[in-house]
PDB file of all heavy atoms in Angstrom:
ATOM      1  N   GLU A   1       0.818  -1.213   0.001  1.00  0.00           N
ATOM      2  CA  GLU A   1       0.003   0.005  -0.016  1.00  0.00           C
ATOM      3  C   GLU A   1       0.862   1.258   0.012  1.00  0.00           C
ATOM      4  O   GLU A   1       0.583   2.221  -0.724  1.00  0.00           O
ATOM      5  CB  GLU A   1      -0.916   0.013   1.222  1.00  0.00           C
ATOM      6  CG  GLU A   1      -1.978  -1.080   1.203  1.00  0.00           C
ATOM      7  CD  GLU A   1      -2.648  -1.311   2.533  1.00  0.00           C
ATOM      8  OE1 GLU A   1      -1.973  -1.202   3.577  1.00  0.00           O
ATOM      9  OE2 GLU A   1      -3.856  -1.578   2.524  1.00  0.00           O
ATOM     10  N   ALA A   2       1.939   1.268   0.805  1.00  0.00           N
ATOM     11  CA  ALA A   2       2.819   2.427   0.880  1.00  0.00           C
ATOM     12  C   ALA A   2       3.533   2.650  -0.460  1.00  0.00           C
ATOM     13  O   ALA A   2       3.658   3.783  -0.915  1.00  0.00           O
ATOM     14  CB  ALA A   2       3.836   2.241   2.025  1.00  0.00           C
ATOM     15  N   LEU A   3       4.003   1.541  -1.084  1.00  0.00           N
ATOM     16  CA  LEU A   3       4.664   1.699  -2.383  1.00  0.00           C
ATOM     17  C   LEU A   3       3.693   2.174  -3.464  1.00  0.00           C
ATOM     18  O   LEU A   3       4.051   3.003  -4.285  1.00  0.00           O
ATOM     19  CB  LEU A   3       5.290   0.369  -2.810  1.00  0.00           C
ATOM     20  CG  LEU A   3       6.589  -0.006  -2.137  1.00  0.00           C
ATOM     21  CD1 LEU A   3       7.051  -1.407  -2.519  1.00  0.00           C
ATOM     22  CD2 LEU A   3       7.706   1.011  -2.462  1.00  0.00           C
ATOM     23  N   ALA A   4       2.488   1.632  -3.452  1.00  0.00           N
ATOM     24  CA  ALA A   4       1.488   2.056  -4.450  1.00  0.00           C
ATOM     25  C   ALA A   4       1.223   3.548  -4.299  1.00  0.00           C
ATOM     26  O   ALA A   4       1.166   4.259  -5.306  1.00  0.00           O
ATOM     27  CB  ALA A   4       0.215   1.236  -4.286  1.00  0.00           C
ATOM     28  N   PHE A   5       1.093   4.016  -3.063  1.00  0.00           N
ATOM     29  CA  PHE A   5       0.860   5.425  -2.832  1.00  0.00           C
ATOM     30  C   PHE A   5       2.070   6.271  -3.261  1.00  0.00           C
ATOM     31  O   PHE A   5       1.931   7.304  -3.932  1.00  0.00           O
ATOM     32  CB  PHE A   5       0.536   5.732  -1.359  1.00  0.00           C
ATOM     33  CG  PHE A   5       0.226   7.172  -1.121  1.00  0.00           C
ATOM     34  CD1 PHE A   5      -1.001   7.707  -1.496  1.00  0.00           C
ATOM     35  CD2 PHE A   5       1.145   8.010  -0.538  1.00  0.00           C
ATOM     36  CE1 PHE A   5      -1.286   9.075  -1.280  1.00  0.00           C
ATOM     37  CE2 PHE A   5       0.887   9.349  -0.308  1.00  0.00           C
ATOM     38  CZ  PHE A   5      -0.356   9.874  -0.678  1.00  0.00           C
ATOM     39  N   ALA A   6       3.290   5.816  -2.917  1.00  0.00           N
ATOM     40  CA  ALA A   6       4.493   6.547  -3.297  1.00  0.00           C
ATOM     41  C   ALA A   6       4.602   6.681  -4.836  1.00  0.00           C
ATOM     42  O   ALA A   6       5.051   7.712  -5.318  1.00  0.00           O
ATOM     43  CB  ALA A   6       5.731   5.850  -2.743  1.00  0.00           C
ATOM     44  N   ARG A   7       4.204   5.638  -5.521  1.00  0.00           N
ATOM     45  CA  ARG A   7       4.300   5.654  -6.992  1.00  0.00           C
ATOM     46  C   ARG A   7       3.278   6.559  -7.641  1.00  0.00           C
ATOM     47  O   ARG A   7       3.424   6.935  -8.835  1.00  0.00           O
ATOM     48  CB  ARG A   7       4.197   4.227  -7.502  1.00  0.00           C
ATOM     49  CG  ARG A   7       5.441   3.458  -7.195  1.00  0.00           C
ATOM     50  CD  ARG A   7       5.368   2.006  -7.736  1.00  0.00           C
ATOM     51  NE  ARG A   7       6.649   1.353  -7.525  1.00  0.00           N
ATOM     52  CZ  ARG A   7       6.797   0.214  -6.881  1.00  0.00           C
ATOM     53  NH1 ARG A   7       5.752  -0.485  -6.425  1.00  0.00           N
ATOM     54  NH2 ARG A   7       8.006  -0.327  -6.721  1.00  0.00           N
ATOM     55  N   THR A   8       2.226   6.956  -6.959  1.00  0.00           N
ATOM     56  CA  THR A   8       1.221   7.853  -7.546  1.00  0.00           C
ATOM     57  C   THR A   8       1.740   9.281  -7.715  1.00  0.00           C
ATOM     58  O   THR A   8       1.259   9.989  -8.591  1.00  0.00           O
ATOM     59  CB  THR A   8      -0.071   7.956  -6.681  1.00  0.00           C
ATOM     60  OG1 THR A   8       0.213   8.618  -5.449  1.00  0.00           O
ATOM     61  CG2 THR A   8      -0.688   6.586  -6.471  1.00  0.00           C
ATOM     62  N   GLY A   9       2.702   9.672  -6.874  1.00  0.00           N
ATOM     63  CA  GLY A   9       3.226  11.023  -6.948  1.00  0.00           C
ATOM     64  C   GLY A   9       2.275  12.060  -6.382  1.00  0.00           C
ATOM     65  O   GLY A   9       2.499  13.261  -6.533  1.00  0.00           O
ATOM     66  N   ARG A  10       1.221  11.624  -5.713  1.00  0.00           N
ATOM     67  CA  ARG A  10       0.239  12.563  -5.147  1.00  0.00           C
ATOM     68  C   ARG A  10       0.796  13.383  -3.999  1.00  0.00           C
ATOM     69  O   ARG A  10       0.300  14.475  -3.691  1.00  0.00           O
ATOM     70  CB  ARG A  10      -1.000  11.809  -4.649  1.00  0.00           C
ATOM     71  CG  ARG A  10      -1.872  11.327  -5.767  1.00  0.00           C
ATOM     72  CD  ARG A  10      -3.194  10.756  -5.294  1.00  0.00           C
ATOM     73  NE  ARG A  10      -3.793  11.516  -4.196  1.00  0.00           N
ATOM     74  CZ  ARG A  10      -4.300  10.964  -3.112  1.00  0.00           C
ATOM     75  NH1 ARG A  10      -4.315   9.670  -2.962  1.00  0.00           N
ATOM     76  NH2 ARG A  10      -4.849  11.709  -2.174  1.00  0.00           N
ATOM     77  N   MET A  11       1.848  12.875  -3.331  1.00  0.00           N
ATOM     78  CA  MET A  11       2.454  13.609  -2.218  1.00  0.00           C
ATOM     79  C   MET A  11       3.898  13.928  -2.607  1.00  0.00           C
ATOM     80  O   MET A  11       4.666  13.036  -3.008  1.00  0.00           O
ATOM     81  CB  MET A  11       2.441  12.805  -0.935  1.00  0.00           C
ATOM     82  CG  MET A  11       2.945  13.586   0.280  1.00  0.00           C
ATOM     83  SD  MET A  11       2.945  12.647   1.819  1.00  0.00           S
ATOM     84  CE  MET A  11       1.302  12.021   1.929  1.00  0.00           C
ATOM     85  N   ARG A  12       4.237  15.207  -2.481  1.00  0.00           N
ATOM     86  CA  ARG A  12       5.588  15.678  -2.785  1.00  0.00           C
ATOM     87  C   ARG A  12       6.194  16.212  -1.507  1.00  0.00           C
ATOM     88  O   ARG A  12       5.566  16.980  -0.789  1.00  0.00           O
ATOM     89  CB  ARG A  12       5.521  16.758  -3.851  1.00  0.00           C
ATOM     90  CG  ARG A  12       6.606  16.771  -4.844  1.00  0.00           C
ATOM     91  CD  ARG A  12       6.420  17.824  -5.923  1.00  0.00           C
ATOM     92  NE  ARG A  12       6.286  19.163  -5.405  1.00  0.00           N
ATOM     93  CZ  ARG A  12       5.127  19.861  -5.372  1.00  0.00           C
ATOM     94  NH1 ARG A  12       4.046  19.348  -5.920  1.00  0.00           N
ATOM     95  NH2 ARG A  12       5.077  21.079  -4.894  1.00  0.00           N
ATOM     96  N   PHE A  13       7.442  15.842  -1.203  1.00  0.00           N
ATOM     97  CA  PHE A  13       8.091  16.348  -0.015  1.00  0.00           C
ATOM     98  C   PHE A  13       9.090  17.395  -0.401  1.00  0.00           C
ATOM     99  O   PHE A  13      10.019  17.158  -1.161  1.00  0.00           O
ATOM    100  CB  PHE A  13       8.818  15.186   0.705  1.00  0.00           C
ATOM    101  CG  PHE A  13       7.898  14.221   1.353  1.00  0.00           C
ATOM    102  CD1 PHE A  13       7.626  13.001   0.757  1.00  0.00           C
ATOM    103  CD2 PHE A  13       7.280  14.515   2.555  1.00  0.00           C
ATOM    104  CE1 PHE A  13       6.778  12.102   1.328  1.00  0.00           C
ATOM    105  CE2 PHE A  13       6.411  13.612   3.137  1.00  0.00           C
ATOM    106  CZ  PHE A  13       6.148  12.393   2.540  1.00  0.00           C
ATOM    107  N   GLU A  14       8.915  18.596   0.122  1.00  0.00           N
ATOM    108  CA  GLU A  14       9.891  19.664  -0.040  1.00  0.00           C
ATOM    109  C   GLU A  14      10.992  19.547   1.011  1.00  0.00           C
ATOM    110  O   GLU A  14      12.115  19.949   0.795  1.00  0.00           O
ATOM    111  CB  GLU A  14       9.216  21.038   0.050  1.00  0.00           C
ATOM    112  CG  GLU A  14       8.309  21.366  -1.123  1.00  0.00           C
ATOM    113  CD  GLU A  14       6.928  20.723  -1.011  1.00  0.00           C
ATOM    114  OE1 GLU A  14       6.460  20.448   0.105  1.00  0.00           O
ATOM    115  OE2 GLU A  14       6.341  20.469  -2.068  1.00  0.00           O
ATOM    116  N   ARG A  15      10.594  19.030   2.155  1.00  0.00           N
ATOM    117  CA  ARG A  15      11.544  18.849   3.264  1.00  0.00           C
ATOM    118  C   ARG A  15      11.253  17.486   3.898  1.00  0.00           C
ATOM    119  O   ARG A  15      10.095  17.129   4.118  1.00  0.00           O
ATOM    120  CB  ARG A  15      11.357  19.960   4.318  1.00  0.00           C
ATOM    121  CG  ARG A  15      12.238  19.822   5.519  1.00  0.00           C
ATOM    122  CD  ARG A  15      11.942  20.863   6.562  1.00  0.00           C
ATOM    123  NE  ARG A  15      12.904  20.828   7.659  1.00  0.00           N
ATOM    124  CZ  ARG A  15      12.683  21.380   8.818  1.00  0.00           C
ATOM    125  NH1 ARG A  15      11.567  22.050   9.079  1.00  0.00           N
ATOM    126  NH2 ARG A  15      13.593  21.277   9.781  1.00  0.00           N
ATOM    127  N   TYR A  16      12.308  16.769   4.214  1.00  0.00           N
ATOM    128  CA  TYR A  16      12.202  15.491   4.919  1.00  0.00           C
ATOM    129  C   TYR A  16      13.501  15.296   5.656  1.00  0.00           C
ATOM    130  O   TYR A  16      14.498  14.859   5.064  1.00  0.00           O
ATOM    131  CB  TYR A  16      11.930  14.352   3.922  1.00  0.00           C
ATOM    132  CG  TYR A  16      11.271  13.148   4.569  1.00  0.00           C
ATOM    133  CD1 TYR A  16       9.935  12.863   4.357  1.00  0.00           C
ATOM    134  CD2 TYR A  16      12.018  12.274   5.380  1.00  0.00           C
ATOM    135  CE1 TYR A  16       9.326  11.767   4.938  1.00  0.00           C
ATOM    136  CE2 TYR A  16      11.409  11.172   5.960  1.00  0.00           C
ATOM    137  CZ  TYR A  16      10.080  10.927   5.735  1.00  0.00           C
ATOM    138  OH  TYR A  16       9.485   9.823   6.317  1.00  0.00           O
ATOM    139  N   GLU A  17      13.539  15.687   6.920  1.00  0.00           N
ATOM    140  CA  GLU A  17      14.782  15.692   7.715  1.00  0.00           C
ATOM    141  C   GLU A  17      14.570  15.007   9.054  1.00  0.00           C
ATOM    142  O   GLU A  17      13.597  15.249   9.728  1.00  0.00           O
ATOM    143  CB  GLU A  17      15.245  17.128   7.959  1.00  0.00           C
ATOM    144  CG  GLU A  17      15.566  17.902   6.723  1.00  0.00           C
ATOM    145  CD  GLU A  17      15.862  19.379   7.010  1.00  0.00           C
ATOM    146  OE1 GLU A  17      15.912  19.752   8.219  1.00  0.00           O
ATOM    147  OE2 GLU A  17      15.966  20.122   6.044  1.00  0.00           O
ATOM    148  N   THR A  18      15.521  14.154   9.412  1.00  0.00           N
ATOM    149  CA  THR A  18      15.503  13.524  10.722  1.00  0.00           C
ATOM    150  C   THR A  18      16.682  14.028  11.539  1.00  0.00           C
ATOM    151  O   THR A  18      17.720  14.419  10.999  1.00  0.00           O
ATOM    152  CB  THR A  18      15.560  11.975  10.590  1.00  0.00           C
ATOM    153  OG1 THR A  18      16.678  11.608   9.783  1.00  0.00           O
ATOM    154  CG2 THR A  18      14.293  11.443  10.010  1.00  0.00           C
ATOM    155  N   SER A  19      16.463  14.076  12.853  1.00  0.00           N
ATOM    156  CA  SER A  19      17.489  14.549  13.771  1.00  0.00           C
ATOM    157  C   SER A  19      17.317  13.820  15.097  1.00  0.00           C
ATOM    158  O   SER A  19      16.351  13.043  15.258  1.00  0.00           O
ATOM    159  CB  SER A  19      17.407  16.070  13.971  1.00  0.00           C
ATOM    160  OG  SER A  19      16.146  16.407  14.484  1.00  0.00           O
ATOM    161  N   GLN A  20      18.169  14.108  16.065  1.00  0.00           N
ATOM    162  CA  GLN A  20      18.094  13.531  17.395  1.00  0.00           C
ATOM    163  C   GLN A  20      18.040  11.996  17.323  1.00  0.00           C
ATOM    164  O   GLN A  20      17.303  11.346  18.091  1.00  0.00           O
ATOM    165  CB  GLN A  20      16.876  14.078  18.169  1.00  0.00           C
ATOM    166  CG  GLN A  20      16.925  15.590  18.282  1.00  0.00           C
ATOM    167  CD  GLN A  20      15.621  16.161  18.881  1.00  0.00           C
ATOM    168  OE1 GLN A  20      14.787  15.438  19.350  1.00  0.00           O
ATOM    169  NE2 GLN A  20      15.519  17.478  18.841  1.00  0.00           N
ATOM    170  N   ILE A  21      18.841  11.446  16.446  1.00  0.00           N
ATOM    171  CA  ILE A  21      18.818   9.989  16.203  1.00  0.00           C
ATOM    172  C   ILE A  21      19.443   9.223  17.373  1.00  0.00           C
ATOM    173  O   ILE A  21      20.533   9.585  17.848  1.00  0.00           O
ATOM    174  CB  ILE A  21      19.605   9.643  14.907  1.00  0.00           C
ATOM    175  CG1 ILE A  21      19.041  10.431  13.705  1.00  0.00           C
ATOM    176  CG2 ILE A  21      19.611   8.141  14.669  1.00  0.00           C
ATOM    177  CD1 ILE A  21      17.607  10.180  13.393  1.00  0.00           C
ATOM    178  N   LYS A  22      18.734   8.213  17.823  1.00  0.00           N
ATOM    179  CA  LYS A  22      19.232   7.275  18.847  1.00  0.00           C
ATOM    180  C   LYS A  22      19.120   5.874  18.293  1.00  0.00           C
ATOM    181  O   LYS A  22      18.045   5.501  17.781  1.00  0.00           O
ATOM    182  CB  LYS A  22      18.471   7.458  20.142  1.00  0.00           C
ATOM    183  CG  LYS A  22      18.960   6.527  21.248  1.00  0.00           C
ATOM    184  CD  LYS A  22      18.200   6.759  22.528  1.00  0.00           C
ATOM    185  CE  LYS A  22      18.671   5.822  23.598  1.00  0.00           C
ATOM    186  NZ  LYS A  22      17.885   5.968  24.830  1.00  0.00           N
ATOM    187  N   VAL A  23      20.186   5.096  18.381  1.00  0.00           N
ATOM    188  CA  VAL A  23      20.190   3.736  17.821  1.00  0.00           C
ATOM    189  C   VAL A  23      20.476   2.746  18.949  1.00  0.00           C
ATOM    190  O   VAL A  23      21.406   2.927  19.714  1.00  0.00           O
ATOM    191  CB  VAL A  23      21.300   3.597  16.729  1.00  0.00           C
ATOM    192  CG1 VAL A  23      21.369   2.166  16.196  1.00  0.00           C
ATOM    193  CG2 VAL A  23      21.065   4.624  15.606  1.00  0.00           C
ATOM    194  N   ARG A  24      19.661   1.675  18.969  1.00  0.00           N
ATOM    195  CA  ARG A  24      19.911   0.570  19.865  1.00  0.00           C
ATOM    196  C   ARG A  24      19.813  -0.710  19.077  1.00  0.00           C
ATOM    197  O   ARG A  24      18.855  -0.893  18.311  1.00  0.00           O
ATOM    198  CB  ARG A  24      18.881   0.565  20.995  1.00  0.00           C
ATOM    199  CG  ARG A  24      19.065   1.763  21.954  1.00  0.00           C
ATOM    200  CD  ARG A  24      17.878   1.963  22.817  1.00  0.00           C
ATOM    201  NE  ARG A  24      16.816   2.500  21.956  1.00  0.00           N
ATOM    202  CZ  ARG A  24      15.543   2.535  22.296  1.00  0.00           C
ATOM    203  NH1 ARG A  24      15.141   2.066  23.423  1.00  0.00           N
ATOM    204  NH2 ARG A  24      14.671   3.024  21.455  1.00  0.00           N
ATOM    205  N   THR A  25      20.831  -1.549  19.181  1.00  0.00           N
ATOM    206  CA  THR A  25      20.839  -2.827  18.422  1.00  0.00           C
ATOM    207  C   THR A  25      20.753  -3.998  19.390  1.00  0.00           C
ATOM    208  O   THR A  25      21.286  -3.942  20.493  1.00  0.00           O
ATOM    209  CB  THR A  25      22.080  -2.940  17.545  1.00  0.00           C
ATOM    210  OG1 THR A  25      23.229  -2.846  18.356  1.00  0.00           O
ATOM    211  CG2 THR A  25      22.098  -1.916  16.451  1.00  0.00           C
ATOM    212  N   TYR A  26      20.076  -5.023  18.913  1.00  0.00           N
ATOM    213  CA  TYR A  26      19.878  -6.265  19.663  1.00  0.00           C
ATOM    214  C   TYR A  26      20.012  -7.425  18.669  1.00  0.00           C
ATOM    215  O   TYR A  26      19.009  -7.884  18.125  1.00  0.00           O
ATOM    216  CB  TYR A  26      18.490  -6.302  20.321  1.00  0.00           C
ATOM    217  CG  TYR A  26      18.172  -5.050  21.114  1.00  0.00           C
ATOM    218  CD1 TYR A  26      17.492  -3.985  20.529  1.00  0.00           C
ATOM    219  CD2 TYR A  26      18.582  -4.926  22.448  1.00  0.00           C
ATOM    220  CE1 TYR A  26      17.216  -2.839  21.278  1.00  0.00           C
ATOM    221  CE2 TYR A  26      18.286  -3.768  23.174  1.00  0.00           C
ATOM    222  CZ  TYR A  26      17.609  -2.738  22.579  1.00  0.00           C
ATOM    223  OH  TYR A  26      17.332  -1.584  23.302  1.00  0.00           O
ATOM    224  N   GLY A  27      21.253  -7.813  18.410  1.00  0.00           N
ATOM    225  CA  GLY A  27      21.467  -8.877  17.418  1.00  0.00           C
ATOM    226  C   GLY A  27      21.040  -8.453  16.033  1.00  0.00           C
ATOM    227  O   GLY A  27      21.587  -7.482  15.499  1.00  0.00           O
ATOM    228  N   ASP A  28      20.042  -9.119  15.485  1.00  0.00           N
ATOM    229  CA  ASP A  28      19.552  -8.816  14.150  1.00  0.00           C
ATOM    230  C   ASP A  28      18.398  -7.835  14.123  1.00  0.00           C
ATOM    231  O   ASP A  28      17.665  -7.766  13.137  1.00  0.00           O
ATOM    232  CB  ASP A  28      19.180 -10.101  13.419  1.00  0.00           C
ATOM    233  CG  ASP A  28      20.406 -10.901  12.948  1.00  0.00           C
ATOM    234  OD1 ASP A  28      21.509 -10.311  12.860  1.00  0.00           O
ATOM    235  OD2 ASP A  28      20.265 -12.121  12.753  1.00  0.00           O
ATOM    236  N   THR A  29      18.211  -7.148  15.243  1.00  0.00           N
ATOM    237  CA  THR A  29      17.134  -6.132  15.350  1.00  0.00           C
ATOM    238  C   THR A  29      17.758  -4.833  15.808  1.00  0.00           C
ATOM    239  O   THR A  29      18.651  -4.819  16.660  1.00  0.00           O
ATOM    240  CB  THR A  29      16.048  -6.617  16.358  1.00  0.00           C
ATOM    241  OG1 THR A  29      15.532  -7.885  15.947  1.00  0.00           O
ATOM    242  CG2 THR A  29      14.936  -5.604  16.439  1.00  0.00           C
ATOM    243  N   ALA A  30      17.269  -3.745  15.278  1.00  0.00           N
ATOM    244  CA  ALA A  30      17.698  -2.410  15.702  1.00  0.00           C
ATOM    245  C   ALA A  30      16.480  -1.502  15.844  1.00  0.00           C
ATOM    246  O   ALA A  30      15.532  -1.585  15.043  1.00  0.00           O
ATOM    247  CB  ALA A  30      18.697  -1.803  14.718  1.00  0.00           C
ATOM    248  N   VAL A  31      16.512  -0.651  16.827  1.00  0.00           N
ATOM    249  CA  VAL A  31      15.462   0.325  17.047  1.00  0.00           C
ATOM    250  C   VAL A  31      16.116   1.705  16.891  1.00  0.00           C
ATOM    251  O   VAL A  31      17.099   2.023  17.573  1.00  0.00           O
ATOM    252  CB  VAL A  31      14.835   0.178  18.460  1.00  0.00           C
ATOM    253  CG1 VAL A  31      13.780   1.247  18.675  1.00  0.00           C
ATOM    254  CG2 VAL A  31      14.243  -1.218  18.642  1.00  0.00           C
ATOM    255  N   VAL A  32      15.565   2.483  15.999  1.00  0.00           N
ATOM    256  CA  VAL A  32      16.081   3.816  15.708  1.00  0.00           C
ATOM    257  C   VAL A  32      14.967   4.798  16.024  1.00  0.00           C
ATOM    258  O   VAL A  32      13.849   4.669  15.534  1.00  0.00           O
ATOM    259  CB  VAL A  32      16.541   3.983  14.248  1.00  0.00           C
ATOM    260  CG1 VAL A  32      17.001   5.396  13.967  1.00  0.00           C
ATOM    261  CG2 VAL A  32      17.653   2.972  13.956  1.00  0.00           C
ATOM    262  N   THR A  33      15.263   5.790  16.880  1.00  0.00           N
ATOM    263  CA  THR A  33      14.266   6.810  17.254  1.00  0.00           C
ATOM    264  C   THR A  33      14.834   8.162  16.963  1.00  0.00           C
ATOM    265  O   THR A  33      16.049   8.369  16.844  1.00  0.00           O
ATOM    266  CB  THR A  33      13.905   6.709  18.738  1.00  0.00           C
ATOM    267  OG1 THR A  33      15.069   6.849  19.524  1.00  0.00           O
ATOM    268  CG2 THR A  33      13.225   5.387  19.066  1.00  0.00           C
TER     269      THR A  33
END
């Protein structure tokens, strides 16, 4: 569903920025906030 929506081009992002990243890893799993 997300890919189908992305491919429509109905939503355009002028800005998309992440900050304050915190990473925790547990073997083959990671949680990023």
